[in-house]
Amino acid sequence: MLKELTGASHVYVFSHVVRKDSHREALDMPKELRDDEPIPLATPAMFAHIDYSIYIGSRTVLCTVCDARTVPDSDLREITLKIPTQLPANYYTLRTGIPNSPYGPEKDDLTREKPNQKLWQVAANPGHKWYWPSGMKQDEVLLIKCFDSRTDVARRAPHCAIQTPMDQGPPGESIEVRCLVVWEDQVPNDERAML
């Protein structure tokens, strides 16, 4: 699907996560765990973030999926596909930033280290614009650009889960599939470059 949408030469799937646990469960669980135990839940991230910081994105993704010498660094994206698996997808709805909003490193932003990853937590800014894809259906997929190796385009789209007064029923479930999208010896057209 990504090759067809983007005109890419290659698409490499390098990780996925099934999100099915509620944020409330994660808040309550530490009472039952030792201080050094991780919380074994796949919960929605309730803070605005970008999965790969600008400084680590290219190196991390390339080392994960392929030989970095074979991929032209100027022609790659990391795109996450979010696919709802339980309907209605109205609980802990995802919101995503508009890519051409001003998401450069800011003094109030935070980064958090994880194995082979540096998560970028985005500070609030009145200049940011957000899109709320509520009520996604099973035949819909949301594409989130988490990294772009080029510097002349919007390079990433922050995203997070939110609670709303309309939340009802069990937590929403989804699969997030992370992909490295590569163009070899070609430049995507302007429309496709928005991804």
Protein backbone atom coordinates (compact mmCIF):
# COMPACT_ATOMS: atom_id res chain seq x y z
CA MET A 1 0.00 0.00 0.00
CA LEU A 2 2.76 2.49 0.89
CA LYS A 3 4.63 1.81 -2.35
CA GLU A 4 1.47 2.54 -4.30
CA LEU A 5 0.65 5.71 -2.33
CA THR A 6 4.16 7.16 -2.38
CA GLY A 7 5.83 5.77 -5.49
CA ALA A 8 8.69 4.50 -3.30
CA SER A 9 11.29 2.00 -4.49
CA HIS A 10 11.20 -0.01 -1.26
CA VAL A 11 9.14 -0.25 1.92
CA TYR A 12 10.62 -2.05 4.94
CA VAL A 13 8.41 -2.90 7.93
CA PHE A 14 10.69 -2.74 10.96
CA SER A 15 8.40 -2.81 14.01
CA HIS A 16 4.81 -2.85 15.16
CA VAL A 17 2.83 -2.49 18.36
CA VAL A 18 -0.72 -3.56 19.21
CA ARG A 19 -2.32 -0.92 21.44
CA LYS A 20 -5.22 -2.36 23.44
CA ASP A 21 -4.78 -1.38 27.08
CA SER A 22 -6.31 1.68 28.73
CA HIS A 23 -4.42 4.64 30.11
CA ARG A 24 -6.28 4.17 33.42
CA GLU A 25 -4.91 0.61 33.77
CA ALA A 26 -1.38 1.95 33.39
CA LEU A 27 -1.98 4.59 36.07
CA ASP A 28 -3.37 2.00 38.52
CA MET A 29 -0.82 -0.77 37.87
CA PRO A 30 2.22 0.77 39.65
CA LYS A 31 0.45 0.13 42.95
CA GLU A 32 0.85 -3.60 42.26
CA LEU A 33 4.46 -3.51 40.98
CA ARG A 34 7.89 -3.14 42.51
CA ASP A 35 9.60 0.16 41.76
CA ASP A 36 11.99 -1.47 39.28
CA GLU A 37 9.34 -3.41 37.30
CA PRO A 38 8.24 -2.12 33.89
CA ILE A 39 4.54 -1.64 33.20
CA PRO A 40 3.66 -4.48 30.78
CA LEU A 41 0.85 -2.68 28.95
CA ALA A 42 0.52 -1.29 25.43
CA THR A 43 -1.29 1.93 26.27
CA PRO A 44 -1.95 5.01 24.17
CA ALA A 45 0.64 7.78 24.56
CA MET A 46 -1.24 10.65 26.19
CA PHE A 47 1.41 13.28 25.40
CA ALA A 48 2.40 14.97 22.16
CA HIS A 49 5.47 13.22 20.81
CA ILE A 50 7.47 12.22 17.76
CA ASP A 51 8.74 8.65 17.76
CA TYR A 52 12.19 9.53 16.44
CA SER A 53 14.05 12.74 17.19
CA ILE A 54 15.64 14.54 14.26
CA TYR A 55 19.07 13.55 15.54
CA ILE A 56 18.56 9.81 15.80
CA GLY A 57 15.81 8.99 13.29
CA SER A 58 17.84 8.18 10.21
CA ARG A 59 20.58 6.21 11.95
CA THR A 60 18.19 4.23 14.17
CA VAL A 61 15.83 3.20 11.40
CA LEU A 62 18.57 2.33 8.92
CA CYS A 63 20.49 0.21 11.41
CA THR A 64 17.28 -1.63 12.25
CA VAL A 65 16.16 -2.68 8.79
CA CYS A 66 18.90 -2.62 6.22
CA ASP A 67 22.49 -1.90 5.30
CA ALA A 68 22.81 1.88 5.58
CA ARG A 69 25.29 1.96 2.67
CA THR A 70 22.59 0.81 0.23
CA VAL A 71 20.05 3.54 1.04
CA PRO A 72 20.42 7.12 -0.22
CA ASP A 73 20.11 9.19 2.94
CA SER A 74 18.37 12.05 1.13
CA ASP A 75 15.43 9.90 0.02
CA LEU A 76 13.89 8.16 3.01
CA ARG A 77 10.95 8.55 5.37
CA GLU A 78 9.79 6.71 8.45
CA ILE A 79 6.01 6.42 8.20
CA THR A 80 3.79 4.83 10.83
CA LEU A 81 0.48 3.31 9.75
CA LYS A 82 -2.23 3.39 12.43
CA ILE A 83 -4.93 0.81 11.76
CA PRO A 84 -8.02 0.56 14.03
CA THR A 85 -8.85 -3.04 14.97
CA GLN A 86 -11.85 -2.53 17.25
CA LEU A 87 -14.81 -0.36 16.40
CA PRO A 88 -15.97 2.19 17.17
CA ALA A 89 -12.52 3.77 17.52
CA ASN A 90 -13.76 6.61 19.72
CA TYR A 91 -11.96 6.02 23.01
CA TYR A 92 -8.52 7.59 23.46
CA THR A 93 -8.73 9.07 20.01
CA LEU A 94 -5.49 9.89 18.27
CA ARG A 95 -4.73 13.42 17.24
CA THR A 96 -1.90 14.33 14.95
CA GLY A 97 -0.11 17.56 14.16
CA ILE A 98 -0.25 19.12 10.74
CA PRO A 99 3.24 18.49 9.30
CA ASN A 100 3.86 22.04 8.09
CA SER A 101 3.22 23.55 11.53
CA PRO A 102 6.40 24.86 13.19
CA TYR A 103 7.79 21.68 14.77
CA GLY A 104 11.45 22.48 15.15
CA PRO A 105 13.43 21.75 18.29
CA GLU A 106 12.24 24.17 20.95
CA LYS A 107 13.74 25.01 24.32
CA ASP A 108 10.81 23.46 26.21
CA ASP A 109 10.77 20.18 24.27
CA LEU A 110 12.03 17.05 26.03
CA THR A 111 13.68 13.91 24.76
CA ARG A 112 13.49 10.49 26.39
CA GLU A 113 15.96 7.71 25.73
CA LYS A 114 14.77 4.18 24.98
CA PRO A 115 16.82 1.31 23.55
CA ASN A 116 17.85 2.37 20.01
CA GLN A 117 15.41 5.25 20.14
CA LYS A 118 15.12 8.83 21.29
CA LEU A 119 11.51 9.93 21.77
CA TRP A 120 10.85 13.63 21.26
CA GLN A 121 8.15 15.05 23.56
CA VAL A 122 6.70 18.21 22.01
CA ALA A 123 5.96 21.24 24.21
CA ALA A 124 2.71 23.14 23.72
CA ASN A 125 2.88 26.01 21.24
CA PRO A 126 -0.01 28.21 20.06
CA GLY A 127 1.42 28.01 16.53
CA HIS A 128 0.83 24.26 16.34
CA LYS A 129 -2.16 22.98 14.38
CA TRP A 130 -3.81 19.62 15.12
CA TYR A 131 -6.06 17.23 13.23
CA TRP A 132 -8.46 14.87 15.03
CA PRO A 133 -9.29 11.77 12.95
CA SER A 134 -12.18 10.66 15.16
CA GLY A 135 -14.36 7.64 14.48
CA MET A 136 -11.95 5.87 12.12
CA LYS A 137 -13.43 2.87 10.32
CA GLN A 138 -11.78 -0.49 9.71
CA ASP A 139 -11.10 0.31 6.06
CA GLU A 140 -9.27 3.54 7.00
CA VAL A 141 -5.57 3.88 7.79
CA LEU A 142 -3.85 6.94 9.21
CA LEU A 143 -0.31 7.63 7.95
CA ILE A 144 1.99 9.57 10.31
CA LYS A 145 5.36 10.80 9.09
CA CYS A 146 7.75 10.39 12.02
CA PHE A 147 10.98 11.18 10.20
CA ASP A 148 12.09 12.63 6.86
CA SER A 149 15.75 12.77 5.89
CA ARG A 150 15.25 15.86 3.72
CA THR A 151 15.59 19.29 5.28
CA ASP A 152 13.50 21.35 2.83
CA VAL A 153 10.12 19.82 3.77
CA ALA A 154 8.05 19.24 6.90
CA ARG A 155 10.11 16.52 8.56
CA ARG A 156 7.73 15.03 11.13
CA ALA A 157 4.18 15.06 12.53
CA PRO A 158 3.72 14.91 16.31
CA HIS A 159 0.83 12.83 17.58
CA CYS A 160 -0.84 11.71 20.81
CA ALA A 161 -3.97 10.11 22.18
CA ILE A 162 -6.59 12.34 23.80
CA GLN A 163 -9.59 11.84 26.04
CA THR A 164 -12.87 13.51 25.12
CA PRO A 165 -16.29 13.79 26.77
CA MET A 166 -17.57 11.39 24.07
CA ASP A 167 -15.29 8.52 25.16
CA GLN A 168 -17.40 5.45 25.82
CA GLY A 169 -17.07 1.69 25.93
CA PRO A 170 -13.81 -0.25 26.04
CA PRO A 171 -10.48 1.32 25.09
CA GLY A 172 -9.85 1.65 21.38
CA GLU A 173 -7.58 -0.97 19.85
CA SER A 174 -5.18 -0.44 17.01
CA ILE A 175 -2.06 -1.75 15.33
CA GLU A 176 0.77 0.66 14.61
CA VAL A 177 3.11 -0.52 11.85
CA ARG A 178 6.39 1.38 11.46
CA CYS A 179 7.90 1.43 7.98
CA LEU A 180 11.00 2.79 6.32
CA VAL A 181 10.03 4.14 2.90
CA VAL A 182 12.92 4.52 0.45
CA TRP A 183 13.27 6.17 -2.97
CA GLU A 184 16.33 5.03 -4.92
CA ASP A 185 17.67 7.41 -7.60
CA GLN A 186 14.42 9.34 -7.77
CA VAL A 187 12.77 12.27 -6.05
CA PRO A 188 9.12 11.97 -4.99
CA ASN A 189 6.79 14.48 -6.60
CA ASP A 190 5.46 17.39 -4.50
CA GLU A 191 2.19 15.65 -3.65
CA ARG A 192 3.91 12.49 -2.47
CA ALA A 193 6.59 14.49 -0.65
CA MET A 194 3.93 15.63 1.81
CA LEU A 195 3.93 12.13 3.32
